[in-house]
Amino acid sequence: MASRQHLAWLARGGKWRLCAPGIQLRDQLRAAGYTVYDLGNEEHLDHQPPEDHTPYSATGWPARTAPYGVVFAVDIMPPDNVARAKAGKPPLPSLQVLGRKLHDDKAARLFPPIKYINWGPVDDQHAVHCSWQPGHAQTSSSDTGHIHISFRTDMADWSGAYDPLGGDLGMSASEIIEAWAVGMPKTSGGSTVEPVKWRVRDEAWQAATSAQLSALTAAIQAMAKGGTSVDTAAVIAAVRDAGTQTNAVVQALQAEVEDLRSRLAAAGAGLAGGTAAH
């Protein structure tokens, strides 16, 4: 059954608009490839009390009742980076990376219109509620699977410059692994995914080595077939040369693996350190 507020809104023509900072954030993220929702579905529109996904929220802040006809919330859904990889597009930052930037930019007053944000610092199955009403407070949240942002009612027309994907978003271990898993040579920020670079390089090396061995085998077979004596020393030297090249590649890979492990450990430590309550 439709709520009293829902019916009153429909009787007035059902008009609505998203607040200005919500429009800015929504349009920037949609342009990048994220799915972003604004006006709520029927469940939101009939919820008591009506909240920020409705154009008649009763939970606005700092004004308790939001300006009529204005929606003060957006939901950002997880990017489908597997589908993006199949389409030849670079992966988008995970909700953990994006949520961390939004959280930190609010704390640094780079994006002041945020009232609160529900997001998962570790994964999409767990969430925290971080609010600034007015001071910062963090509690657990059951609002999982996306990033929810509610905006301040006194900043409905805020028009400051803000880029949610600009600057250094950082690169968590999960983003590196995700890009590696789908075979993308670079992350969304343009950083090279080392294992993919290794794979491309090593596939080329393997192809070249296979060609050398095939040529060597063919030469030996031709000499044997024609009754020509085989130059054993030359064959042994060629095999030793191939072995030397293999050892060099293996040693280089081992060094690069150790370097990647160190970088992943540092990235993981940074992510874990960033999830502590303030």
C-alpha atoms as a PDB file:
ATOM      1  CA  MET A   1       0.000   0.000   0.000  1.00  0.00           C
ATOM      2  CA  ALA A   2       1.334   3.431  -0.955  1.00  0.00           C
ATOM      3  CA  SER A   3       2.349   5.628   1.954  1.00  0.00           C
ATOM      4  CA  ARG A   4       0.726   8.943   2.742  1.00  0.00           C
ATOM      5  CA  GLN A   5       3.851  10.810   1.623  1.00  0.00           C
ATOM      6  CA  HIS A   6       4.048   8.792  -1.587  1.00  0.00           C
ATOM      7  CA  LEU A   7       0.431   9.555  -2.465  1.00  0.00           C
ATOM      8  CA  ALA A   8       0.885  13.252  -1.679  1.00  0.00           C
ATOM      9  CA  TRP A   9       3.929  13.384  -3.950  1.00  0.00           C
ATOM     10  CA  LEU A  10       2.049  11.687  -6.782  1.00  0.00           C
ATOM     11  CA  ALA A  11      -0.885  14.091  -6.306  1.00  0.00           C
ATOM     12  CA  ARG A  12       1.537  16.973  -6.846  1.00  0.00           C
ATOM     13  CA  GLY A  13       2.641  15.511 -10.164  1.00  0.00           C
ATOM     14  CA  GLY A  14       5.364  13.112  -9.034  1.00  0.00           C
ATOM     15  CA  LYS A  15       8.156  15.485 -10.030  1.00  0.00           C
ATOM     16  CA  TRP A  16      11.632  15.135  -8.589  1.00  0.00           C
ATOM     17  CA  ARG A  17      15.276  16.020  -9.113  1.00  0.00           C
ATOM     18  CA  LEU A  18      18.492  14.719  -7.690  1.00  0.00           C
ATOM     19  CA  CYS A  19      20.474  17.184  -5.590  1.00  0.00           C
ATOM     20  CA  ALA A  20      23.316  18.891  -7.451  1.00  0.00           C
ATOM     21  CA  PRO A  21      26.256  17.001  -5.856  1.00  0.00           C
ATOM     22  CA  GLY A  22      24.371  13.757  -6.487  1.00  0.00           C
ATOM     23  CA  ILE A  23      23.953  14.640 -10.156  1.00  0.00           C
ATOM     24  CA  GLN A  24      27.629  15.455 -10.468  1.00  0.00           C
ATOM     25  CA  LEU A  25      28.769  12.227  -8.815  1.00  0.00           C
ATOM     26  CA  ARG A  26      26.191  10.050 -10.591  1.00  0.00           C
ATOM     27  CA  ASP A  27      26.980  11.403 -14.053  1.00  0.00           C
ATOM     28  CA  GLN A  28      30.754  11.146 -13.615  1.00  0.00           C
ATOM     29  CA  LEU A  29      30.565   7.536 -12.438  1.00  0.00           C
ATOM     30  CA  ARG A  30      28.029   6.526 -15.095  1.00  0.00           C
ATOM     31  CA  ALA A  31      30.273   8.024 -17.765  1.00  0.00           C
ATOM     32  CA  ALA A  32      33.144   5.904 -16.432  1.00  0.00           C
ATOM     33  CA  GLY A  33      31.031   2.733 -16.628  1.00  0.00           C
ATOM     34  CA  TYR A  34      29.485   2.286 -13.173  1.00  0.00           C
ATOM     35  CA  THR A  35      25.785   1.602 -12.591  1.00  0.00           C
ATOM     36  CA  VAL A  36      24.413   4.310 -10.287  1.00  0.00           C
ATOM     37  CA  TYR A  37      20.834   4.540  -8.962  1.00  0.00           C
ATOM     38  CA  ASP A  38      19.081   7.609  -7.532  1.00  0.00           C
ATOM     39  CA  LEU A  39      15.257   7.643  -7.090  1.00  0.00           C
ATOM     40  CA  GLY A  40      14.187   4.670  -5.002  1.00  0.00           C
ATOM     41  CA  ASN A  41      11.837   1.859  -6.005  1.00  0.00           C
ATOM     42  CA  GLU A  42       8.368   1.329  -4.508  1.00  0.00           C
ATOM     43  CA  GLU A  43       9.834  -0.153  -1.340  1.00  0.00           C
ATOM     44  CA  HIS A  44      11.866   2.996  -0.784  1.00  0.00           C
ATOM     45  CA  LEU A  45       9.023   5.309  -1.733  1.00  0.00           C
ATOM     46  CA  ASP A  46       6.621   3.685   0.763  1.00  0.00           C
ATOM     47  CA  HIS A  47       9.103   3.158   3.589  1.00  0.00           C
ATOM     48  CA  GLN A  48       8.313   4.725   6.961  1.00  0.00           C
ATOM     49  CA  PRO A  49       9.884   7.061   7.652  1.00  0.00           C
ATOM     50  CA  PRO A  50      10.716   8.066   4.074  1.00  0.00           C
ATOM     51  CA  GLU A  51      14.482   8.351   3.622  1.00  0.00           C
ATOM     52  CA  ASP A  52      16.940   9.955   1.221  1.00  0.00           C
ATOM     53  CA  HIS A  53      16.108   7.910  -1.909  1.00  0.00           C
ATOM     54  CA  THR A  54      12.693   9.624  -1.890  1.00  0.00           C
ATOM     55  CA  PRO A  55      11.831  13.211  -2.907  1.00  0.00           C
ATOM     56  CA  TYR A  56      10.188  13.739   0.501  1.00  0.00           C
ATOM     57  CA  SER A  57      12.745  12.416   2.977  1.00  0.00           C
ATOM     58  CA  ALA A  58      12.000  12.784   6.657  1.00  0.00           C
ATOM     59  CA  THR A  59      15.552  11.885   7.677  1.00  0.00           C
ATOM     60  CA  GLY A  60      17.362  14.808   6.100  1.00  0.00           C
ATOM     61  CA  TRP A  61      20.233  16.588   7.836  1.00  0.00           C
ATOM     62  CA  PRO A  62      20.961  19.254   8.976  1.00  0.00           C
ATOM     63  CA  ALA A  63      17.371  20.191   8.117  1.00  0.00           C
ATOM     64  CA  ARG A  64      15.284  17.274   9.397  1.00  0.00           C
ATOM     65  CA  THR A  65      12.882  17.416   6.448  1.00  0.00           C
ATOM     66  CA  ALA A  66      14.504  17.655   3.040  1.00  0.00           C
ATOM     67  CA  PRO A  67      13.324  20.185   0.434  1.00  0.00           C
ATOM     68  CA  TYR A  68      10.236  18.687  -1.202  1.00  0.00           C
ATOM     69  CA  GLY A  69      10.872  17.087  -4.599  1.00  0.00           C
ATOM     70  CA  VAL A  70      14.641  16.630  -4.111  1.00  0.00           C
ATOM     71  CA  VAL A  71      16.333  13.228  -3.817  1.00  0.00           C
ATOM     72  CA  PHE A  72      19.431  13.165  -1.595  1.00  0.00           C
ATOM     73  CA  ALA A  73      20.933   9.713  -2.170  1.00  0.00           C
ATOM     74  CA  VAL A  74      22.664   7.536  -4.761  1.00  0.00           C
ATOM     75  CA  ASP A  75      23.676   3.873  -4.830  1.00  0.00           C
ATOM     76  CA  ILE A  76      26.833   2.806  -6.674  1.00  0.00           C
ATOM     77  CA  MET A  77      26.897  -0.826  -7.805  1.00  0.00           C
ATOM     78  CA  PRO A  78      29.991  -3.066  -8.153  1.00  0.00           C
ATOM     79  CA  PRO A  79      31.642  -2.855 -11.580  1.00  0.00           C
ATOM     80  CA  ASP A  80      31.500  -5.957 -13.791  1.00  0.00           C
ATOM     81  CA  ASN A  81      35.173  -6.076 -14.674  1.00  0.00           C
ATOM     82  CA  VAL A  82      34.915  -9.526 -16.268  1.00  0.00           C
ATOM     83  CA  ALA A  83      32.455  -8.164 -18.839  1.00  0.00           C
ATOM     84  CA  ARG A  84      34.649  -5.104 -19.304  1.00  0.00           C
ATOM     85  CA  ALA A  85      37.657  -7.316 -19.991  1.00  0.00           C
ATOM     86  CA  LYS A  86      35.741  -9.274 -22.613  1.00  0.00           C
ATOM     87  CA  ALA A  87      34.843  -5.960 -24.243  1.00  0.00           C
ATOM     88  CA  GLY A  88      38.488  -4.872 -24.201  1.00  0.00           C
ATOM     89  CA  LYS A  89      37.917  -2.202 -21.550  1.00  0.00           C
ATOM     90  CA  PRO A  90      40.171  -1.625 -18.522  1.00  0.00           C
ATOM     91  CA  PRO A  91      38.815  -2.613 -15.101  1.00  0.00           C
ATOM     92  CA  LEU A  92      37.174   0.006 -12.909  1.00  0.00           C
ATOM     93  CA  PRO A  93      38.274   0.550  -9.304  1.00  0.00           C
ATOM     94  CA  SER A  94      36.515  -1.799  -6.891  1.00  0.00           C
ATOM     95  CA  LEU A  95      33.924  -0.458  -4.467  1.00  0.00           C
ATOM     96  CA  GLN A  96      36.568  -0.805  -1.754  1.00  0.00           C
ATOM     97  CA  VAL A  97      38.967   1.524  -3.587  1.00  0.00           C
ATOM     98  CA  LEU A  98      36.231   3.952  -4.651  1.00  0.00           C
ATOM     99  CA  GLY A  99      34.577   3.912  -1.227  1.00  0.00           C
ATOM    100  CA  ARG A 100      37.881   4.613   0.491  1.00  0.00           C
ATOM    101  CA  LYS A 101      38.465   7.635  -1.752  1.00  0.00           C
ATOM    102  CA  LEU A 102      34.963   9.021  -1.173  1.00  0.00           C
ATOM    103  CA  HIS A 103      35.337   8.501   2.572  1.00  0.00           C
ATOM    104  CA  ASP A 104      38.770  10.125   2.731  1.00  0.00           C
ATOM    105  CA  ASP A 105      37.798  12.993   0.441  1.00  0.00           C
ATOM    106  CA  LYS A 106      34.829  13.772   2.694  1.00  0.00           C
ATOM    107  CA  ALA A 107      37.112  13.684   5.733  1.00  0.00           C
ATOM    108  CA  ALA A 108      39.543  16.013   3.941  1.00  0.00           C
ATOM    109  CA  ARG A 109      36.681  18.371   2.984  1.00  0.00           C
ATOM    110  CA  LEU A 110      37.257  17.751  -0.708  1.00  0.00           C
ATOM    111  CA  PHE A 111      33.665  16.560  -1.128  1.00  0.00           C
ATOM    112  CA  PRO A 112      31.755  18.217   1.742  1.00  0.00           C
ATOM    113  CA  PRO A 113      28.141  17.453   0.629  1.00  0.00           C
ATOM    114  CA  ILE A 114      28.306  13.858   1.926  1.00  0.00           C
ATOM    115  CA  LYS A 115      26.103  13.304   4.994  1.00  0.00           C
ATOM    116  CA  TYR A 116      26.936   9.621   5.373  1.00  0.00           C
ATOM    117  CA  ILE A 117      28.255   6.704   3.363  1.00  0.00           C
ATOM    118  CA  ASN A 118      27.565   2.973   3.693  1.00  0.00           C
ATOM    119  CA  TRP A 119      30.389   0.973   2.139  1.00  0.00           C
ATOM    120  CA  GLY A 120      32.477  -2.156   2.507  1.00  0.00           C
ATOM    121  CA  PRO A 121      36.136  -1.400   3.285  1.00  0.00           C
ATOM    122  CA  VAL A 122      37.093  -5.089   2.970  1.00  0.00           C
ATOM    123  CA  ASP A 123      34.543  -6.641   0.586  1.00  0.00           C
ATOM    124  CA  ASP A 124      31.016  -6.207  -0.783  1.00  0.00           C
ATOM    125  CA  GLN A 125      29.478  -8.630   1.749  1.00  0.00           C
ATOM    126  CA  HIS A 126      30.210  -6.470   4.805  1.00  0.00           C
ATOM    127  CA  ALA A 127      29.593  -2.769   5.354  1.00  0.00           C
ATOM    128  CA  VAL A 128      30.135   0.110   7.725  1.00  0.00           C
ATOM    129  CA  HIS A 129      28.081   3.275   8.184  1.00  0.00           C
ATOM    130  CA  CYS A 130      30.288   6.392   8.273  1.00  0.00           C
ATOM    131  CA  SER A 131      28.446   9.606   9.074  1.00  0.00           C
ATOM    132  CA  TRP A 132      29.348  13.239   9.609  1.00  0.00           C
ATOM    133  CA  GLN A 133      26.367  14.709  11.502  1.00  0.00           C
ATOM    134  CA  PRO A 134      28.311  16.797  12.307  1.00  0.00           C
ATOM    135  CA  GLY A 135      31.267  14.855  13.713  1.00  0.00           C
ATOM    136  CA  HIS A 136      32.538  11.613  12.238  1.00  0.00           C
ATOM    137  CA  ALA A 137      31.093   8.369  13.601  1.00  0.00           C
ATOM    138  CA  GLN A 138      31.372   4.806  12.331  1.00  0.00           C
ATOM    139  CA  THR A 139      29.115   1.835  13.057  1.00  0.00           C
ATOM    140  CA  SER A 140      28.383  -1.487  11.394  1.00  0.00           C
ATOM    141  CA  SER A 141      25.758  -1.589   8.630  1.00  0.00           C
ATOM    142  CA  SER A 142      23.582  -4.217   6.973  1.00  0.00           C
ATOM    143  CA  ASP A 143      23.437  -2.128   3.780  1.00  0.00           C
ATOM    144  CA  THR A 144      25.831  -4.308   1.769  1.00  0.00           C
ATOM    145  CA  GLY A 145      26.611  -5.001  -1.882  1.00  0.00           C
ATOM    146  CA  HIS A 146      26.990  -1.388  -3.017  1.00  0.00           C
ATOM    147  CA  ILE A 147      28.043   2.075  -1.888  1.00  0.00           C
ATOM    148  CA  HIS A 148      25.197   4.212  -0.552  1.00  0.00           C
ATOM    149  CA  ILE A 149      25.758   7.946  -0.244  1.00  0.00           C
ATOM    150  CA  SER A 150      23.344  10.381   1.387  1.00  0.00           C
ATOM    151  CA  PHE A 151      23.869  14.108   0.968  1.00  0.00           C
ATOM    152  CA  ARG A 152      23.347  17.104   3.267  1.00  0.00           C
ATOM    153  CA  THR A 153      20.078  18.992   2.817  1.00  0.00           C
ATOM    154  CA  ASP A 154      21.838  22.349   3.086  1.00  0.00           C
ATOM    155  CA  MET A 155      24.013  21.530   0.050  1.00  0.00           C
ATOM    156  CA  ALA A 156      21.244  20.653  -2.404  1.00  0.00           C
ATOM    157  CA  ASP A 157      22.714  23.100  -4.917  1.00  0.00           C
ATOM    158  CA  TRP A 158      26.424  22.630  -4.173  1.00  0.00           C
ATOM    159  CA  SER A 159      28.447  23.140  -7.355  1.00  0.00           C
ATOM    160  CA  GLY A 160      32.055  22.682  -6.267  1.00  0.00           C
ATOM    161  CA  ALA A 161      34.559  20.829  -8.426  1.00  0.00           C
ATOM    162  CA  TYR A 162      35.079  17.186  -7.548  1.00  0.00           C
ATOM    163  CA  ASP A 163      36.370  14.144  -9.439  1.00  0.00           C
ATOM    164  CA  PRO A 164      35.661  10.787  -7.722  1.00  0.00           C
ATOM    165  CA  LEU A 165      38.119   9.019 -10.013  1.00  0.00           C
ATOM    166  CA  GLY A 166      40.820  11.680 -10.059  1.00  0.00           C
ATOM    167  CA  GLY A 167      44.106  11.740  -8.222  1.00  0.00           C
ATOM    168  CA  ASP A 168      45.716   8.666  -6.745  1.00  0.00           C
ATOM    169  CA  LEU A 169      43.015   6.169  -5.859  1.00  0.00           C
ATOM    170  CA  GLY A 170      45.705   3.763  -4.752  1.00  0.00           C
ATOM    171  CA  MET A 171      45.704   0.149  -5.872  1.00  0.00           C
ATOM    172  CA  SER A 172      44.669  -2.577  -3.471  1.00  0.00           C
ATOM    173  CA  ALA A 173      45.870  -6.151  -3.724  1.00  0.00           C
ATOM    174  CA  SER A 174      42.348  -7.176  -4.745  1.00  0.00           C
ATOM    175  CA  GLU A 175      42.383  -4.783  -7.712  1.00  0.00           C
ATOM    176  CA  ILE A 176      45.763  -6.103  -8.893  1.00  0.00           C
ATOM    177  CA  ILE A 177      44.571  -9.696  -8.612  1.00  0.00           C
ATOM    178  CA  GLU A 178      41.269  -8.919 -10.347  1.00  0.00           C
ATOM    179  CA  ALA A 179      43.038  -7.265 -13.271  1.00  0.00           C
ATOM    180  CA  TRP A 180      45.447 -10.210 -13.426  1.00  0.00           C
ATOM    181  CA  ALA A 181      42.585 -12.722 -13.379  1.00  0.00           C
ATOM    182  CA  VAL A 182      40.791 -11.167 -16.343  1.00  0.00           C
ATOM    183  CA  GLY A 183      44.013 -10.713 -18.304  1.00  0.00           C
ATOM    184  CA  MET A 184      44.122  -6.919 -18.389  1.00  0.00           C
ATOM    185  CA  PRO A 185      47.667  -5.547 -18.845  1.00  0.00           C
ATOM    186  CA  LYS A 186      46.819  -2.349 -16.954  1.00  0.00           C
ATOM    187  CA  THR A 187      44.605  -1.276 -14.068  1.00  0.00           C
ATOM    188  CA  SER A 188      42.013   1.483 -14.350  1.00  0.00           C
ATOM    189  CA  GLY A 189      44.650   3.955 -13.202  1.00  0.00           C
ATOM    190  CA  GLY A 190      47.035   2.910 -15.977  1.00  0.00           C
ATOM    191  CA  SER A 191      49.427   0.958 -13.764  1.00  0.00           C
ATOM    192  CA  THR A 192      50.976  -2.076 -15.423  1.00  0.00           C
ATOM    193  CA  VAL A 193      49.829  -5.411 -14.046  1.00  0.00           C
ATOM    194  CA  GLU A 194      53.202  -7.109 -13.835  1.00  0.00           C
ATOM    195  CA  PRO A 195      52.056 -10.765 -14.079  1.00  0.00           C
ATOM    196  CA  VAL A 196      50.212 -10.010 -17.321  1.00  0.00           C
ATOM    197  CA  LYS A 197      53.287  -8.246 -18.705  1.00  0.00           C
ATOM    198  CA  TRP A 198      55.353 -11.288 -17.746  1.00  0.00           C
ATOM    199  CA  ARG A 199      52.901 -13.616 -19.442  1.00  0.00           C
ATOM    200  CA  VAL A 200      52.981 -11.669 -22.697  1.00  0.00           C
ATOM    201  CA  ARG A 201      56.770 -11.514 -22.610  1.00  0.00           C
ATOM    202  CA  ASP A 202      57.211 -15.165 -21.645  1.00  0.00           C
ATOM    203  CA  GLU A 203      54.752 -16.421 -24.242  1.00  0.00           C
ATOM    204  CA  ALA A 204      56.882 -14.639 -26.835  1.00  0.00           C
ATOM    205  CA  TRP A 205      60.039 -16.177 -25.343  1.00  0.00           C
ATOM    206  CA  GLN A 206      58.469 -19.637 -25.345  1.00  0.00           C
ATOM    207  CA  ALA A 207      57.457 -19.251 -28.971  1.00  0.00           C
ATOM    208  CA  ALA A 208      60.975 -18.158 -29.939  1.00  0.00           C
ATOM    209  CA  THR A 209      62.557 -21.027 -27.998  1.00  0.00           C
ATOM    210  CA  SER A 210      60.178 -23.543 -29.558  1.00  0.00           C
ATOM    211  CA  ALA A 211      61.074 -22.222 -32.999  1.00  0.00           C
ATOM    212  CA  GLN A 212      64.806 -22.573 -32.225  1.00  0.00           C
ATOM    213  CA  LEU A 213      64.373 -26.140 -30.993  1.00  0.00           C
ATOM    214  CA  SER A 214      62.224 -27.036 -34.007  1.00  0.00           C
ATOM    215  CA  ALA A 215      64.861 -25.662 -36.352  1.00  0.00           C
ATOM    216  CA  LEU A 216      67.601 -27.527 -34.504  1.00  0.00           C
ATOM    217  CA  THR A 217      65.636 -30.793 -34.609  1.00  0.00           C
ATOM    218  CA  ALA A 218      64.929 -30.351 -38.309  1.00  0.00           C
ATOM    219  CA  ALA A 219      68.618 -29.724 -39.035  1.00  0.00           C
ATOM    220  CA  ILE A 220      69.689 -32.834 -37.131  1.00  0.00           C
ATOM    221  CA  GLN A 221      67.062 -34.951 -38.897  1.00  0.00           C
ATOM    222  CA  ALA A 222      68.128 -33.586 -42.288  1.00  0.00           C
ATOM    223  CA  MET A 223      71.799 -34.312 -41.641  1.00  0.00           C
ATOM    224  CA  ALA A 224      71.032 -37.799 -40.385  1.00  0.00           C
ATOM    225  CA  LYS A 225      68.787 -38.515 -43.356  1.00  0.00           C
ATOM    226  CA  GLY A 226      71.409 -37.308 -45.827  1.00  0.00           C
ATOM    227  CA  GLY A 227      74.147 -39.387 -44.280  1.00  0.00           C
ATOM    228  CA  THR A 228      75.993 -36.333 -43.038  1.00  0.00           C
ATOM    229  CA  SER A 229      77.729 -36.730 -39.717  1.00  0.00           C
ATOM    230  CA  VAL A 230      76.184 -34.767 -36.888  1.00  0.00           C
ATOM    231  CA  ASP A 231      78.376 -32.129 -35.250  1.00  0.00           C
ATOM    232  CA  THR A 232      77.861 -33.278 -31.684  1.00  0.00           C
ATOM    233  CA  ALA A 233      79.787 -30.368 -30.203  1.00  0.00           C
ATOM    234  CA  ALA A 234      77.621 -27.840 -32.037  1.00  0.00           C
ATOM    235  CA  VAL A 235      74.415 -29.557 -30.876  1.00  0.00           C
ATOM    236  CA  ILE A 236      75.613 -29.631 -27.274  1.00  0.00           C
ATOM    237  CA  ALA A 237      76.593 -25.964 -27.488  1.00  0.00           C
ATOM    238  CA  ALA A 238      73.156 -25.031 -28.838  1.00  0.00           C
ATOM    239  CA  VAL A 239      71.401 -26.959 -26.085  1.00  0.00           C
ATOM    240  CA  ARG A 240      73.623 -25.338 -23.449  1.00  0.00           C
ATOM    241  CA  ASP A 241      72.839 -21.929 -24.918  1.00  0.00           C
ATOM    242  CA  ALA A 242      69.113 -22.616 -24.703  1.00  0.00           C
ATOM    243  CA  GLY A 243      69.580 -23.789 -21.125  1.00  0.00           C
ATOM    244  CA  THR A 244      71.478 -20.643 -20.215  1.00  0.00           C
ATOM    245  CA  GLN A 245      68.694 -18.498 -21.655  1.00  0.00           C
ATOM    246  CA  THR A 246      66.095 -20.477 -19.699  1.00  0.00           C
ATOM    247  CA  ASN A 247      67.986 -20.054 -16.428  1.00  0.00           C
ATOM    248  CA  ALA A 248      68.311 -16.325 -17.028  1.00  0.00           C
ATOM    249  CA  VAL A 249      64.555 -15.979 -17.607  1.00  0.00           C
ATOM    250  CA  VAL A 250      63.755 -18.070 -14.525  1.00  0.00           C
ATOM    251  CA  GLN A 251      66.064 -15.978 -12.341  1.00  0.00           C
ATOM    252  CA  ALA A 252      64.533 -12.755 -13.654  1.00  0.00           C
ATOM    253  CA  LEU A 253      61.037 -14.072 -12.975  1.00  0.00           C
ATOM    254  CA  GLN A 254      61.987 -15.078  -9.440  1.00  0.00           C
ATOM    255  CA  ALA A 255      63.282 -11.585  -8.740  1.00  0.00           C
ATOM    256  CA  GLU A 256      60.129  -9.999 -10.169  1.00  0.00           C
ATOM    257  CA  VAL A 257      57.878 -12.356  -8.176  1.00  0.00           C
ATOM    258  CA  GLU A 258      59.642 -11.337  -4.960  1.00  0.00           C
ATOM    259  CA  ASP A 259      59.220  -7.690  -5.898  1.00  0.00           C
ATOM    260  CA  LEU A 260      55.497  -8.214  -6.583  1.00  0.00           C
ATOM    261  CA  ARG A 261      55.060 -10.042  -3.279  1.00  0.00           C
ATOM    262  CA  SER A 262      56.593  -7.095  -1.448  1.00  0.00           C
ATOM    263  CA  ARG A 263      54.358  -4.618  -3.282  1.00  0.00           C
ATOM    264  CA  LEU A 264      51.225  -6.705  -2.692  1.00  0.00           C
ATOM    265  CA  ALA A 265      52.080  -7.006   0.995  1.00  0.00           C
ATOM    266  CA  ALA A 266      52.530  -3.243   1.212  1.00  0.00           C
ATOM    267  CA  ALA A 267      49.255  -2.635  -0.647  1.00  0.00           C
ATOM    268  CA  GLY A 268      47.409  -5.098   1.572  1.00  0.00           C
ATOM    269  CA  ALA A 269      48.831  -3.521   4.698  1.00  0.00           C
ATOM    270  CA  GLY A 270      47.798  -0.096   3.505  1.00  0.00           C
ATOM    271  CA  LEU A 271      44.252  -1.275   2.799  1.00  0.00           C
ATOM    272  CA  ALA A 272      43.971  -2.988   6.168  1.00  0.00           C
ATOM    273  CA  GLY A 273      45.341   0.048   7.945  1.00  0.00           C
ATOM    274  CA  GLY A 274      42.830   2.281   6.193  1.00  0.00           C
ATOM    275  CA  THR A 275      39.813   0.349   7.496  1.00  0.00           C
ATOM    276  CA  ALA A 276      40.323   1.179  11.149  1.00  0.00           C
ATOM    277  CA  ALA A 277      37.571   3.161  12.845  1.00  0.00           C
ATOM    278  CA  HIS A 278      38.233   6.829  13.333  1.00  0.00           C
END
